């Protein structure tokens, strides 16, 4: 019986693996190394999460890109 979703292939796409666009941002406590992951939206809206023992955490620096700028504009407009 044929699949209702069409043919399936186990091979990766010709250009390699698809780039992941919806990613969780890694936040780390500089003091103890505690790690939490959160979406770009929450970092923009309320900031990075806090370590239970040491407070504010730092992000891995990859969340600042064009999509974040677009999201910041979206949040400022209140849309």
Protein backbone atom coordinates (compact mmCIF):
# COMPACT_ATOMS: atom_id res chain seq x y z
CA UNK A 1 0.00 0.00 0.00
CA UNK A 2 1.48 3.41 -0.95
CA UNK A 3 2.15 5.98 1.74
CA UNK A 4 -0.44 8.80 1.93
CA UNK A 5 2.41 11.30 2.23
CA UNK A 6 4.33 10.21 -0.84
CA UNK A 7 7.70 8.58 -1.25
CA UNK A 8 10.14 8.67 1.67
CA UNK A 9 13.90 8.85 1.38
CA UNK A 10 16.51 8.14 4.04
CA UNK A 11 19.14 10.22 2.24
CA UNK A 12 19.96 13.79 3.33
CA UNK A 13 19.00 16.63 0.95
CA UNK A 14 21.48 17.32 -1.87
CA UNK A 15 22.85 20.44 -0.14
CA UNK A 16 23.46 18.60 3.14
CA UNK A 17 21.34 18.81 6.28
CA UNK A 18 18.67 21.52 6.46
CA UNK A 19 19.65 24.53 8.52
CA UNK A 20 17.77 24.65 11.80
CA UNK A 21 15.94 27.98 12.10
CA UNK A 22 13.84 27.52 15.23
CA UNK A 23 16.55 26.96 17.77
CA UNK A 24 16.84 27.25 21.49
CA UNK A 25 19.55 29.62 22.69
CA UNK A 26 22.02 28.28 25.23
CA UNK A 27 22.38 30.44 28.36
CA UNK A 28 25.18 29.70 30.82
CA UNK A 29 26.04 30.85 34.35
CA UNK A 30 29.61 32.17 34.22
CA UNK A 31 30.17 31.19 37.87
CA UNK A 32 29.01 27.56 38.10
CA UNK A 33 28.30 26.53 34.50
CA UNK A 34 24.55 25.97 35.01
CA UNK A 35 22.92 25.74 31.56
CA UNK A 36 19.40 26.63 30.47
CA UNK A 37 17.98 26.94 26.97
CA UNK A 38 15.29 29.37 25.93
CA UNK A 39 13.87 30.80 22.74
CA UNK A 40 15.12 34.00 21.14
CA UNK A 41 11.71 35.58 21.78
CA UNK A 42 12.04 35.29 25.59
CA UNK A 43 15.58 36.68 25.57
CA UNK A 44 14.34 39.70 23.60
CA UNK A 45 11.17 40.22 25.68
CA UNK A 46 12.41 39.62 29.24
CA UNK A 47 16.13 38.88 29.03
CA UNK A 48 18.25 35.82 29.67
CA UNK A 49 17.20 33.41 32.43
CA UNK A 50 18.77 33.49 35.89
CA UNK A 51 20.89 30.83 37.60
CA UNK A 52 19.14 29.61 40.79
CA UNK A 53 22.29 30.44 42.80
CA UNK A 54 24.10 33.26 41.01
CA UNK A 55 21.56 35.36 39.12
CA UNK A 56 21.79 36.59 35.53
CA UNK A 57 23.22 34.26 32.91
CA UNK A 58 25.00 34.97 29.64
CA UNK A 59 23.98 33.73 26.19
CA UNK A 60 26.22 32.01 23.67
CA UNK A 61 26.15 35.15 21.49
CA UNK A 62 24.51 33.53 18.47
CA UNK A 63 21.05 34.93 19.19
CA UNK A 64 21.92 38.36 17.79
CA UNK A 65 21.09 38.21 14.11
CA UNK A 66 18.65 39.63 11.59
CA UNK A 67 15.75 37.53 12.89
CA UNK A 68 16.27 38.89 16.40
CA UNK A 69 16.24 42.46 15.11
CA UNK A 70 12.99 41.70 13.30
CA UNK A 71 11.57 40.16 16.48
CA UNK A 72 12.63 43.17 18.58
CA UNK A 73 10.84 45.48 16.12
CA UNK A 74 7.76 43.24 16.27
CA UNK A 75 7.74 43.30 20.10
CA UNK A 76 8.22 47.09 20.22
CA UNK A 77 5.24 47.60 17.92
CA UNK A 78 3.14 45.47 20.25
CA UNK A 79 1.85 43.40 17.36
